[in-house]
Protein backbone atom coordinates (compact mmCIF):
# COMPACT_ATOMS: atom_id res chain seq x y z
CA MET A 1 -25.78 114.36 205.91
CA ASN A 2 -25.48 116.39 209.12
CA LYS A 3 -25.30 120.15 208.88
CA GLY A 4 -23.66 122.34 211.50
CA PHE A 5 -20.49 122.40 213.53
CA THR A 6 -19.06 119.72 215.77
CA LEU A 7 -18.27 120.34 219.42
CA ILE A 8 -14.51 120.37 218.70
CA GLU A 9 -14.87 122.96 215.92
CA THR A 10 -16.97 125.15 218.19
CA LEU A 11 -14.48 124.90 221.07
CA VAL A 12 -11.52 125.69 218.81
CA SER A 13 -13.25 128.72 217.29
CA LEU A 14 -14.31 130.00 220.74
CA SER A 15 -10.76 129.53 222.00
CA LEU A 16 -9.37 131.54 219.10
CA LEU A 17 -11.97 134.24 219.64
CA MET A 18 -11.15 134.41 223.35
CA LEU A 19 -7.44 134.63 222.56
CA ALA A 20 -8.09 137.56 220.20
CA VAL A 21 -10.23 139.38 222.78
CA LEU A 22 -7.67 138.91 225.55
CA SER A 23 -4.83 140.05 223.29
CA SER A 24 -6.66 143.19 222.27
CA SER A 25 -7.54 144.02 225.88
CA ARG A 26 -3.88 143.64 226.87
CA ILE A 27 -2.89 146.00 224.06
CA MET A 28 -5.47 148.52 225.26
CA VAL A 29 -4.15 148.38 228.85
CA SER A 30 -0.57 148.88 227.63
CA ALA A 31 -1.61 151.78 225.42
CA LEU A 32 -3.39 153.42 228.35
CA ALA A 33 -0.28 153.12 230.53
CA TRP A 34 1.92 154.58 227.77
CA THR A 35 -0.54 157.45 227.31
CA ARG A 36 -0.45 158.27 231.02
CA GLN A 37 3.35 158.27 231.01
CA ALA A 38 3.43 160.50 227.94
CA GLN A 39 0.97 162.94 229.54
CA ALA A 40 3.11 163.13 232.68
CA ARG A 41 6.24 163.82 230.61
CA PHE A 42 4.39 166.45 228.58
CA ARG A 43 3.21 168.25 231.74
CA LEU A 44 6.77 168.22 233.07
CA VAL A 45 8.15 169.63 229.82
CA GLU A 46 5.46 172.35 229.81
CA GLU A 47 6.32 173.33 233.39
CA LEU A 48 10.05 173.40 232.66
CA ASP A 49 9.44 175.47 229.51
CA HIS A 50 7.34 177.93 231.50
CA TYR A 51 10.07 178.23 234.14
CA LYS A 52 12.74 178.67 231.44
CA ASN A 53 10.72 181.45 229.81
CA TYR A 54 10.19 183.08 233.19
CA LEU A 55 13.91 183.07 233.96
CA SER A 56 14.86 184.33 230.51
CA SER A 57 12.45 187.26 230.90
CA LEU A 58 14.21 188.49 234.06
CA SER A 59 16.80 191.22 234.01
CA PHE A 60 20.32 190.39 235.18
CA ALA A 61 19.76 192.42 238.36
CA ALA A 62 16.71 190.40 239.44
CA THR A 63 16.79 188.88 242.92
CA GLU A 64 15.79 185.50 241.52
CA LEU A 65 19.17 185.32 239.77
CA VAL A 66 21.25 185.91 242.91
CA GLY A 67 23.57 183.05 243.81
CA GLY A 68 22.60 180.60 246.52
CA PRO A 69 19.98 177.94 247.13
CA HIS A 70 16.58 178.54 245.57
CA GLY A 71 13.35 176.63 245.74
CA ARG A 72 9.73 177.06 244.96
CA GLN A 73 7.63 177.81 248.03
CA MET A 74 4.60 175.59 248.26
CA PRO A 75 1.47 177.13 249.80
CA GLY A 76 0.88 175.92 253.33
CA LEU A 77 4.48 174.74 253.83
CA SER A 78 7.20 176.60 255.65
């Protein structure tokens, strides 16, 4: 009686293994993309929270609260 695996059994098992590896790598890539998006949203929320706290700490007579267009000045830009 022969012992071991046939060529078909080996090919089927390698195909299933390859499918599992490719599926898990796709999940990892998707998770990495979701993590990057979540980090970007978190940084935006932190910046908005900082700006909200800054504005709420101002007195009502502050020049930053005067009506009109406002914008943050970026260094090096006019």
